[in-house]
Each structure stands twice: as structure tokens, then as C-alpha cells.
């Protein structure tokens, strides 16, 4: 993801989204079929609905037309981060200690030079790292080296009964 573009979009979008009574959870940009996809994740206490996403999309589309920060063709997608939410900042991860996370690193760590992907239980979050247990082994993963991090639901039956994943 182009971090400069994501930061530019976050600066543009945050005030508009907050003005709608919502919170900007994060922005993801991915290329595909000669067109950039700009994914905007919004949240609110109690959750967001389709109307929130549609209204936010209309406002952001107008803003993008005026400011024109995205080079070339793009598609705007607005949604909630969902149950298996991506994390964009370390403070977003902290409430999910005890839950299952999937982490992809930019480069392997010295603890395991052949590994960039981890899926396990989130044991702790410090000011600059995650501690994840994978197959009985604990790994400390520096947040600066994390390219992607997402919550994974392991008990869908509990979710169906109304329990939120950690």
C-alpha cells in the first residue's frame, strides 16, 4: 500500500467521516485490473449499517472528485471492518488480547528467519510489538515490521449466539 496516499486520504476523509458521527477505522489501497481500489473502513459504537456506508461513500466520492488525490482510475469501497477486522494501528489490536490474529511481516525476524506469516493467540501488546503464541511457541513481532494484521474468528458458533470475538 502506498503509505503517502493512505495518509493523504486519511487526512481528507477523517473530518468528513467524523462529521457523519462515525469513526475512520482505516484505509487500504490495493491494485487490480488496472484500477486502484480504495477501501475505507468505518465504525461507530453499536456498529454501522448499509445506510451509513452508502452515505459515507457519497460524501467521500464528492470529496475525491474535488480534491483529486488518487492518480488514475480507482474504485471506492466503504464498509465496516467486520468481525475479522484488519488492524491499522497498534492501539486497535490491544482490546483483542486473547483472540486469534493473523500477522504478515515485511521481513522475517531473527527468531525464525524462514517465516513471515503467523496465526495464533494474541498474548500481549506493548508500545511497539505484539506477542503471539503459535503452536506452543511465543513470538514477539515488532509492529514496525508488520505489513498486515487481522483478527480471526475461531468459534463461529459463539458468534452466531451473539458473542463477540476477542
N, C-alpha and C. Protein backbone atom coordinates (compact mmCIF):
# COMPACT_ATOMS: atom_id res chain seq x y z
N UNK A 1 0.84 -1.18 0.00
CA UNK A 1 0.00 0.00 0.00
C UNK A 1 0.89 1.23 0.00
N UNK A 2 0.52 2.22 -0.78
CA UNK A 2 1.22 3.49 -0.83
C UNK A 2 0.87 4.27 0.44
N UNK A 3 1.84 4.32 1.38
CA UNK A 3 1.57 4.96 2.67
C UNK A 3 1.30 6.45 2.52
N UNK A 4 1.98 7.11 1.58
CA UNK A 4 1.72 8.54 1.39
C UNK A 4 0.28 8.77 0.94
N UNK A 5 -0.20 7.96 0.01
CA UNK A 5 -1.58 8.10 -0.46
C UNK A 5 -2.55 7.80 0.68
N UNK A 6 -2.29 6.74 1.43
CA UNK A 6 -3.18 6.39 2.55
C UNK A 6 -3.23 7.52 3.58
N UNK A 7 -2.08 8.12 3.87
CA UNK A 7 -2.05 9.23 4.83
C UNK A 7 -2.79 10.45 4.29
N UNK A 8 -2.61 10.73 3.01
CA UNK A 8 -3.33 11.85 2.38
C UNK A 8 -4.84 11.62 2.46
N UNK A 9 -5.26 10.41 2.12
CA UNK A 9 -6.69 10.09 2.17
C UNK A 9 -7.23 10.14 3.59
N UNK A 10 -6.45 9.66 4.55
CA UNK A 10 -6.89 9.70 5.95
C UNK A 10 -7.09 11.15 6.40
N UNK A 11 -6.17 12.02 6.03
CA UNK A 11 -6.29 13.44 6.39
C UNK A 11 -7.53 14.06 5.76
N UNK A 12 -7.82 13.70 4.51
CA UNK A 12 -9.00 14.23 3.83
C UNK A 12 -10.30 13.64 4.38
N UNK A 13 -10.30 12.33 4.62
CA UNK A 13 -11.54 11.62 4.95
C UNK A 13 -11.97 11.75 6.40
N UNK A 14 -11.02 11.78 7.34
CA UNK A 14 -11.36 11.73 8.76
C UNK A 14 -12.37 12.80 9.19
N UNK A 15 -12.17 14.08 8.82
CA UNK A 15 -13.15 15.08 9.25
C UNK A 15 -14.55 14.85 8.67
N UNK A 16 -14.62 14.39 7.44
CA UNK A 16 -15.92 14.12 6.80
C UNK A 16 -16.63 12.97 7.52
N UNK A 17 -15.89 11.92 7.78
CA UNK A 17 -16.45 10.73 8.44
C UNK A 17 -16.89 11.07 9.86
N UNK A 18 -16.06 11.83 10.57
CA UNK A 18 -16.43 12.24 11.93
C UNK A 18 -17.66 13.13 11.92
N UNK A 19 -17.78 13.97 10.88
CA UNK A 19 -18.95 14.83 10.74
C UNK A 19 -20.24 14.04 10.54
N UNK A 20 -20.11 12.80 10.10
CA UNK A 20 -21.28 11.92 9.93
C UNK A 20 -21.56 11.09 11.19
N UNK A 21 -20.79 11.37 12.26
CA UNK A 21 -20.99 10.64 13.51
C UNK A 21 -20.33 9.27 13.53
N UNK A 22 -19.35 9.08 12.66
CA UNK A 22 -18.66 7.79 12.53
C UNK A 22 -17.18 7.96 12.84
N UNK A 23 -16.47 6.85 12.91
CA UNK A 23 -15.03 6.86 13.13
C UNK A 23 -14.35 6.18 11.95
N UNK A 24 -13.25 6.76 11.50
CA UNK A 24 -12.44 6.14 10.45
C UNK A 24 -11.58 5.06 11.10
N UNK A 25 -11.83 3.79 10.76
CA UNK A 25 -11.06 2.67 11.31
C UNK A 25 -9.74 2.54 10.56
N UNK A 26 -9.77 2.70 9.22
CA UNK A 26 -8.55 2.58 8.44
C UNK A 26 -8.83 2.64 6.96
N UNK A 27 -7.75 2.77 6.19
CA UNK A 27 -7.82 2.85 4.73
C UNK A 27 -6.83 1.85 4.16
N UNK A 28 -7.28 1.13 3.16
CA UNK A 28 -6.45 0.14 2.47
C UNK A 28 -6.53 0.45 0.98
N UNK A 29 -5.39 0.48 0.32
CA UNK A 29 -5.39 0.65 -1.14
C UNK A 29 -4.74 -0.57 -1.77
N UNK A 30 -5.41 -1.13 -2.77
CA UNK A 30 -4.87 -2.29 -3.48
C UNK A 30 -5.09 -2.11 -4.97
N UNK A 31 -4.14 -2.59 -5.76
CA UNK A 31 -4.27 -2.50 -7.21
C UNK A 31 -4.96 -3.73 -7.75
N UNK A 32 -5.56 -3.57 -8.91
CA UNK A 32 -6.20 -4.72 -9.53
C UNK A 32 -6.86 -4.34 -10.83
N UNK A 33 -6.61 -5.11 -11.88
CA UNK A 33 -7.22 -4.90 -13.19
C UNK A 33 -7.02 -3.47 -13.70
N UNK A 34 -5.83 -2.93 -13.50
CA UNK A 34 -5.53 -1.59 -14.00
C UNK A 34 -6.27 -0.48 -13.27
N UNK A 35 -6.78 -0.80 -12.09
CA UNK A 35 -7.57 0.18 -11.34
C UNK A 35 -7.26 0.02 -9.86
N UNK A 36 -7.04 1.12 -9.19
CA UNK A 36 -6.79 1.11 -7.76
C UNK A 36 -8.11 0.96 -7.01
N UNK A 37 -8.10 0.14 -5.97
CA UNK A 37 -9.27 0.01 -5.10
C UNK A 37 -8.93 0.70 -3.78
N UNK A 38 -9.75 1.66 -3.40
CA UNK A 38 -9.59 2.37 -2.14
C UNK A 38 -10.66 1.85 -1.19
N UNK A 39 -10.22 1.12 -0.16
CA UNK A 39 -11.16 0.56 0.82
C UNK A 39 -11.12 1.42 2.08
N UNK A 40 -12.28 1.90 2.46
CA UNK A 40 -12.40 2.74 3.65
C UNK A 40 -13.25 1.98 4.66
N UNK A 41 -12.69 1.79 5.86
CA UNK A 41 -13.40 1.08 6.91
C UNK A 41 -13.88 2.08 7.95
N UNK A 42 -15.18 2.05 8.23
CA UNK A 42 -15.77 2.98 9.19
C UNK A 42 -16.38 2.21 10.35
N UNK A 43 -16.49 2.89 11.48
CA UNK A 43 -17.03 2.23 12.65
C UNK A 43 -17.80 3.24 13.50
N UNK A 44 -18.67 2.70 14.35
CA UNK A 44 -19.40 3.50 15.31
C UNK A 44 -19.80 2.57 16.45
N UNK A 45 -19.89 3.12 17.64
CA UNK A 45 -20.39 2.34 18.78
C UNK A 45 -21.75 1.77 18.40
N UNK A 46 -21.92 0.48 18.54
CA UNK A 46 -23.18 -0.16 18.15
C UNK A 46 -23.18 -0.65 16.72
N UNK A 47 -22.11 -0.34 15.96
CA UNK A 47 -21.98 -0.84 14.60
C UNK A 47 -22.50 0.11 13.53
N UNK A 48 -22.13 -0.18 12.30
CA UNK A 48 -22.59 0.61 11.16
C UNK A 48 -23.51 -0.25 10.31
N UNK A 49 -24.36 0.41 9.52
CA UNK A 49 -25.26 -0.33 8.64
C UNK A 49 -25.04 0.11 7.20
N UNK A 50 -25.79 -0.46 6.30
CA UNK A 50 -25.64 -0.19 4.87
C UNK A 50 -25.87 1.29 4.57
N UNK A 51 -26.83 1.90 5.25
CA UNK A 51 -27.10 3.33 5.03
C UNK A 51 -25.90 4.19 5.41
N UNK A 52 -25.22 3.84 6.52
CA UNK A 52 -24.02 4.57 6.93
C UNK A 52 -22.94 4.46 5.85
N UNK A 53 -22.77 3.26 5.32
CA UNK A 53 -21.76 3.04 4.28
C UNK A 53 -22.11 3.81 3.01
N UNK A 54 -23.37 3.79 2.60
CA UNK A 54 -23.80 4.48 1.38
C UNK A 54 -23.64 5.99 1.54
N UNK A 55 -24.04 6.53 2.68
CA UNK A 55 -23.93 7.97 2.91
C UNK A 55 -22.46 8.40 2.93
N UNK A 56 -21.63 7.61 3.60
CA UNK A 56 -20.20 7.91 3.65
C UNK A 56 -19.60 7.84 2.26
N UNK A 57 -19.96 6.85 1.48
CA UNK A 57 -19.46 6.70 0.12
C UNK A 57 -19.81 7.92 -0.73
N UNK A 58 -21.04 8.40 -0.63
CA UNK A 58 -21.45 9.59 -1.40
C UNK A 58 -20.62 10.81 -1.02
N UNK A 59 -20.44 11.02 0.28
CA UNK A 59 -19.66 12.17 0.74
C UNK A 59 -18.20 12.08 0.29
N UNK A 60 -17.61 10.89 0.43
CA UNK A 60 -16.21 10.72 0.06
C UNK A 60 -16.02 10.81 -1.45
N UNK A 61 -16.97 10.32 -2.22
CA UNK A 61 -16.89 10.41 -3.69
C UNK A 61 -16.86 11.87 -4.13
N UNK A 62 -17.71 12.68 -3.54
CA UNK A 62 -17.72 14.11 -3.87
C UNK A 62 -16.38 14.75 -3.51
N UNK A 63 -15.86 14.41 -2.35
CA UNK A 63 -14.58 14.95 -1.91
C UNK A 63 -13.46 14.52 -2.86
N UNK A 64 -13.46 13.27 -3.27
CA UNK A 64 -12.44 12.78 -4.20
C UNK A 64 -12.54 13.47 -5.56
N UNK A 65 -13.75 13.76 -6.00
CA UNK A 65 -13.94 14.48 -7.27
C UNK A 65 -13.34 15.88 -7.20
N UNK A 66 -13.49 16.53 -6.07
CA UNK A 66 -13.00 17.90 -5.91
C UNK A 66 -11.49 17.92 -5.69
N UNK A 67 -11.00 17.12 -4.76
CA UNK A 67 -9.58 17.15 -4.37
C UNK A 67 -8.68 16.37 -5.33
N UNK A 68 -9.20 15.32 -5.96
CA UNK A 68 -8.48 14.50 -6.94
C UNK A 68 -7.11 13.99 -6.45
N UNK A 69 -7.05 13.36 -5.25
CA UNK A 69 -5.76 12.89 -4.73
C UNK A 69 -5.31 11.53 -5.27
N UNK A 70 -6.22 10.81 -5.93
CA UNK A 70 -5.90 9.45 -6.39
C UNK A 70 -5.57 9.51 -7.88
N UNK A 71 -4.33 9.14 -8.24
CA UNK A 71 -3.96 9.16 -9.65
C UNK A 71 -4.64 8.04 -10.43
N UNK A 72 -5.10 8.35 -11.62
CA UNK A 72 -5.69 7.33 -12.49
C UNK A 72 -7.07 6.88 -12.04
N UNK A 73 -7.45 5.71 -12.56
CA UNK A 73 -8.77 5.15 -12.24
C UNK A 73 -8.75 4.51 -10.85
N UNK A 74 -9.88 4.58 -10.18
CA UNK A 74 -10.00 3.95 -8.87
C UNK A 74 -11.44 3.56 -8.61
N UNK A 75 -11.61 2.66 -7.65
CA UNK A 75 -12.95 2.29 -7.18
C UNK A 75 -12.96 2.48 -5.67
N UNK A 76 -13.96 3.17 -5.17
CA UNK A 76 -14.11 3.42 -3.74
C UNK A 76 -15.04 2.38 -3.12
N UNK A 77 -14.59 1.75 -2.05
CA UNK A 77 -15.41 0.80 -1.30
C UNK A 77 -15.46 1.27 0.15
N UNK A 78 -16.65 1.34 0.73
CA UNK A 78 -16.81 1.74 2.12
C UNK A 78 -17.53 0.62 2.86
N UNK A 79 -16.98 0.19 3.99
CA UNK A 79 -17.61 -0.88 4.77
C UNK A 79 -17.19 -0.78 6.23
N UNK A 80 -17.81 -1.62 7.04
CA UNK A 80 -17.36 -1.79 8.42
C UNK A 80 -16.11 -2.66 8.37
N UNK A 81 -15.27 -2.62 9.40
CA UNK A 81 -14.11 -3.52 9.40
C UNK A 81 -14.50 -4.98 9.59
N UNK A 82 -15.72 -5.24 10.06
CA UNK A 82 -16.20 -6.61 10.20
C UNK A 82 -15.64 -7.33 11.42
N UNK A 83 -16.08 -8.56 11.60
CA UNK A 83 -15.62 -9.35 12.74
C UNK A 83 -14.15 -9.74 12.58
N UNK A 84 -13.75 -10.09 11.37
CA UNK A 84 -12.35 -10.45 11.12
C UNK A 84 -11.62 -9.21 10.60
N UNK A 85 -11.62 -8.20 11.45
CA UNK A 85 -11.16 -6.88 11.06
C UNK A 85 -9.65 -6.77 10.86
N UNK A 86 -9.26 -5.97 9.88
CA UNK A 86 -7.85 -5.64 9.74
C UNK A 86 -7.49 -4.58 10.78
N UNK A 87 -6.24 -4.59 11.22
CA UNK A 87 -5.77 -3.58 12.17
C UNK A 87 -4.78 -2.67 11.45
N UNK A 88 -4.95 -1.38 11.66
CA UNK A 88 -4.09 -0.39 11.01
C UNK A 88 -3.15 0.28 12.00
N UNK A 89 -3.51 0.24 13.28
CA UNK A 89 -2.69 0.84 14.32
C UNK A 89 -2.60 -0.13 15.50
N UNK A 90 -1.51 -0.06 16.21
CA UNK A 90 -1.28 -0.97 17.33
C UNK A 90 -2.35 -0.81 18.42
N UNK A 91 -2.84 0.40 18.65
CA UNK A 91 -3.85 0.59 19.69
C UNK A 91 -5.17 -0.12 19.36
N UNK A 92 -5.40 -0.41 18.09
CA UNK A 92 -6.61 -1.14 17.69
C UNK A 92 -6.52 -2.62 18.08
N UNK A 93 -5.31 -3.13 18.21
CA UNK A 93 -5.09 -4.55 18.49
C UNK A 93 -5.28 -4.87 19.97
N UNK A 94 -4.89 -3.95 20.83
CA UNK A 94 -4.85 -4.18 22.28
C UNK A 94 -6.14 -4.78 22.87
N UNK A 95 -7.34 -4.31 22.50
CA UNK A 95 -8.55 -4.89 23.10
C UNK A 95 -8.80 -6.36 22.73
N UNK A 96 -8.01 -6.89 21.82
CA UNK A 96 -8.25 -8.25 21.33
C UNK A 96 -7.26 -9.27 21.88
N UNK A 97 -6.54 -8.89 22.96
CA UNK A 97 -5.64 -9.85 23.61
C UNK A 97 -6.47 -11.06 24.04
N UNK A 98 -5.97 -12.25 23.72
CA UNK A 98 -6.70 -13.49 24.00
C UNK A 98 -7.39 -14.03 22.76
N UNK A 99 -7.54 -13.19 21.75
CA UNK A 99 -8.15 -13.61 20.49
C UNK A 99 -7.11 -14.16 19.53
N UNK A 100 -7.57 -14.64 18.41
CA UNK A 100 -6.67 -15.18 17.39
C UNK A 100 -6.41 -14.11 16.34
N UNK A 101 -5.13 -13.94 16.00
CA UNK A 101 -4.75 -12.97 14.98
C UNK A 101 -3.93 -13.65 13.90
N UNK A 102 -3.96 -13.03 12.74
CA UNK A 102 -3.13 -13.46 11.61
C UNK A 102 -2.24 -12.28 11.28
N UNK A 103 -0.93 -12.51 11.28
CA UNK A 103 0.03 -11.43 11.09
C UNK A 103 0.96 -11.78 9.94
N UNK A 104 1.18 -10.81 9.06
CA UNK A 104 2.14 -10.98 7.97
C UNK A 104 3.21 -9.91 8.16
N UNK A 105 4.48 -10.33 8.11
CA UNK A 105 5.59 -9.41 8.30
C UNK A 105 6.18 -8.97 6.97
N UNK A 106 6.79 -7.78 6.98
CA UNK A 106 7.53 -7.33 5.80
C UNK A 106 8.73 -8.24 5.56
N UNK A 107 9.47 -8.52 6.64
CA UNK A 107 10.65 -9.39 6.57
C UNK A 107 10.64 -10.35 7.76
N UNK A 108 11.23 -11.53 7.61
CA UNK A 108 11.28 -12.47 8.74
C UNK A 108 12.08 -11.89 9.91
N UNK A 109 11.81 -12.39 11.11
CA UNK A 109 12.57 -11.95 12.28
C UNK A 109 13.73 -12.91 12.52
N UNK A 110 14.66 -12.51 13.37
CA UNK A 110 15.79 -13.38 13.69
C UNK A 110 15.33 -14.63 14.45
N UNK A 111 14.19 -14.56 15.14
CA UNK A 111 13.67 -15.72 15.88
C UNK A 111 13.29 -16.86 14.93
N UNK A 112 12.87 -16.52 13.72
CA UNK A 112 12.50 -17.53 12.73
C UNK A 112 12.74 -16.94 11.34
N UNK A 113 13.99 -17.04 10.84
CA UNK A 113 14.36 -16.39 9.58
C UNK A 113 13.64 -16.90 8.34
N UNK A 114 12.92 -18.01 8.45
CA UNK A 114 12.22 -18.56 7.28
C UNK A 114 10.73 -18.22 7.28
N UNK A 115 10.28 -17.47 8.28
CA UNK A 115 8.84 -17.28 8.44
C UNK A 115 8.44 -15.80 8.41
N UNK A 116 7.38 -15.52 7.63
CA UNK A 116 6.81 -14.16 7.59
C UNK A 116 5.34 -14.16 8.02
N UNK A 117 4.70 -15.32 8.07
CA UNK A 117 3.27 -15.41 8.39
C UNK A 117 3.06 -16.13 9.71
N UNK A 118 2.23 -15.54 10.56
CA UNK A 118 1.93 -16.10 11.87
C UNK A 118 0.43 -16.07 12.10
N UNK A 119 -0.11 -17.16 12.61
CA UNK A 119 -1.51 -17.20 13.02
C UNK A 119 -1.56 -17.88 14.37
N UNK A 120 -2.02 -17.13 15.38
CA UNK A 120 -2.05 -17.70 16.71
C UNK A 120 -2.77 -16.79 17.69
N UNK A 121 -2.63 -17.11 18.96
CA UNK A 121 -3.30 -16.37 20.02
C UNK A 121 -2.48 -15.13 20.38
N UNK A 122 -3.15 -14.00 20.40
CA UNK A 122 -2.51 -12.75 20.80
C UNK A 122 -2.36 -12.75 22.31
N UNK A 123 -1.12 -12.81 22.79
CA UNK A 123 -0.86 -12.88 24.22
C UNK A 123 -0.70 -11.51 24.86
N UNK A 124 -0.09 -10.57 24.13
CA UNK A 124 0.17 -9.25 24.71
C UNK A 124 0.44 -8.24 23.60
N UNK A 125 0.23 -6.98 23.95
CA UNK A 125 0.55 -5.87 23.07
C UNK A 125 1.35 -4.86 23.89
N UNK A 126 2.54 -4.50 23.40
CA UNK A 126 3.35 -3.48 24.08
C UNK A 126 3.26 -2.20 23.27
N UNK A 127 4.10 -1.24 23.60
CA UNK A 127 4.09 0.03 22.87
C UNK A 127 4.56 -0.12 21.43
N UNK A 128 5.31 -1.21 21.14
CA UNK A 128 5.85 -1.34 19.78
C UNK A 128 5.85 -2.76 19.22
N UNK A 129 5.14 -3.68 19.89
CA UNK A 129 5.16 -5.06 19.37
C UNK A 129 3.93 -5.86 19.82
N UNK A 130 3.78 -7.01 19.17
CA UNK A 130 2.75 -7.99 19.51
C UNK A 130 3.46 -9.25 20.00
N UNK A 131 2.86 -9.92 20.96
CA UNK A 131 3.36 -11.23 21.36
C UNK A 131 2.29 -12.24 20.99
N UNK A 132 2.65 -13.19 20.12
CA UNK A 132 1.70 -14.15 19.57
C UNK A 132 2.20 -15.57 19.85
N UNK A 133 1.28 -16.42 20.32
CA UNK A 133 1.61 -17.83 20.52
C UNK A 133 1.13 -18.62 19.31
N UNK A 134 2.08 -19.31 18.67
CA UNK A 134 1.78 -20.14 17.51
C UNK A 134 2.30 -21.54 17.79
N UNK A 135 1.41 -22.52 17.79
CA UNK A 135 1.79 -23.92 18.01
C UNK A 135 2.67 -24.10 19.25
N UNK A 136 2.30 -23.45 20.35
CA UNK A 136 3.02 -23.61 21.61
C UNK A 136 4.27 -22.77 21.76
N UNK A 137 4.64 -22.00 20.74
CA UNK A 137 5.82 -21.13 20.83
C UNK A 137 5.39 -19.68 20.80
N UNK A 138 6.07 -18.85 21.61
CA UNK A 138 5.76 -17.43 21.67
C UNK A 138 6.71 -16.65 20.75
N UNK A 139 6.13 -15.70 20.02
CA UNK A 139 6.91 -14.85 19.12
C UNK A 139 6.60 -13.39 19.43
N UNK A 140 7.64 -12.58 19.51
CA UNK A 140 7.47 -11.14 19.66
C UNK A 140 7.68 -10.54 18.28
N UNK A 141 6.64 -9.88 17.78
CA UNK A 141 6.66 -9.34 16.42
C UNK A 141 6.62 -7.82 16.48
N UNK A 142 7.70 -7.15 16.06
CA UNK A 142 7.72 -5.68 16.10
C UNK A 142 6.66 -5.10 15.16
N UNK A 143 5.85 -4.17 15.67
CA UNK A 143 4.78 -3.58 14.87
C UNK A 143 5.32 -2.89 13.62
N UNK A 144 6.52 -2.31 13.70
CA UNK A 144 7.11 -1.63 12.54
C UNK A 144 7.37 -2.61 11.39
N UNK A 145 7.45 -3.89 11.69
CA UNK A 145 7.71 -4.91 10.67
C UNK A 145 6.42 -5.60 10.19
N UNK A 146 5.28 -5.21 10.73
CA UNK A 146 4.01 -5.84 10.37
C UNK A 146 3.45 -5.20 9.10
N UNK A 147 3.23 -6.01 8.07
CA UNK A 147 2.62 -5.47 6.84
C UNK A 147 1.10 -5.61 6.88
N UNK A 148 0.61 -6.68 7.52
CA UNK A 148 -0.84 -6.88 7.68
C UNK A 148 -1.09 -7.59 9.00
N UNK A 149 -2.19 -7.21 9.64
CA UNK A 149 -2.60 -7.86 10.87
C UNK A 149 -4.12 -7.85 10.89
N UNK A 150 -4.71 -8.99 11.21
CA UNK A 150 -6.17 -9.09 11.19
C UNK A 150 -6.63 -10.05 12.28
N UNK A 151 -7.80 -9.78 12.83
CA UNK A 151 -8.44 -10.66 13.79
C UNK A 151 -9.04 -11.84 13.05
N UNK A 152 -8.94 -13.03 13.63
CA UNK A 152 -9.54 -14.22 13.03
C UNK A 152 -10.52 -14.83 14.02
N UNK A 153 -11.71 -15.12 13.55
CA UNK A 153 -12.72 -15.76 14.39
C UNK A 153 -12.47 -17.26 14.36
N UNK A 154 -12.41 -17.88 15.54
CA UNK A 154 -12.18 -19.32 15.62
C UNK A 154 -13.43 -20.07 16.07
N UNK A 155 -14.41 -19.36 16.61
CA UNK A 155 -15.63 -20.00 17.09
C UNK A 155 -16.85 -19.30 16.50
N UNK A 156 -17.21 -19.69 15.28
CA UNK A 156 -18.35 -19.06 14.60
C UNK A 156 -19.67 -19.39 15.29
N UNK A 157 -19.75 -20.54 15.97
CA UNK A 157 -20.98 -20.88 16.69
C UNK A 157 -21.24 -19.87 17.80
N UNK A 158 -20.18 -19.47 18.51
CA UNK A 158 -20.33 -18.46 19.57
C UNK A 158 -20.77 -17.13 18.98
N UNK A 159 -20.22 -16.77 17.82
CA UNK A 159 -20.60 -15.52 17.16
C UNK A 159 -22.08 -15.56 16.79
N UNK A 160 -22.52 -16.70 16.28
CA UNK A 160 -23.94 -16.84 15.91
C UNK A 160 -24.85 -16.68 17.11
N UNK A 161 -24.34 -17.01 18.30
CA UNK A 161 -25.13 -16.87 19.52
C UNK A 161 -25.00 -15.48 20.13
N UNK A 162 -24.32 -14.58 19.42
CA UNK A 162 -24.24 -13.20 19.87
C UNK A 162 -22.98 -12.82 20.61
N UNK A 163 -22.03 -13.75 20.79
CA UNK A 163 -20.78 -13.41 21.46
C UNK A 163 -19.83 -12.78 20.45
N UNK A 164 -19.20 -11.70 20.86
CA UNK A 164 -18.23 -11.03 20.00
C UNK A 164 -16.87 -11.72 20.12
N UNK A 165 -16.13 -11.82 19.01
CA UNK A 165 -14.77 -12.37 19.10
C UNK A 165 -13.90 -11.39 19.86
N UNK A 166 -12.86 -11.89 20.46
CA UNK A 166 -11.99 -11.02 21.23
C UNK A 166 -11.19 -10.12 20.37
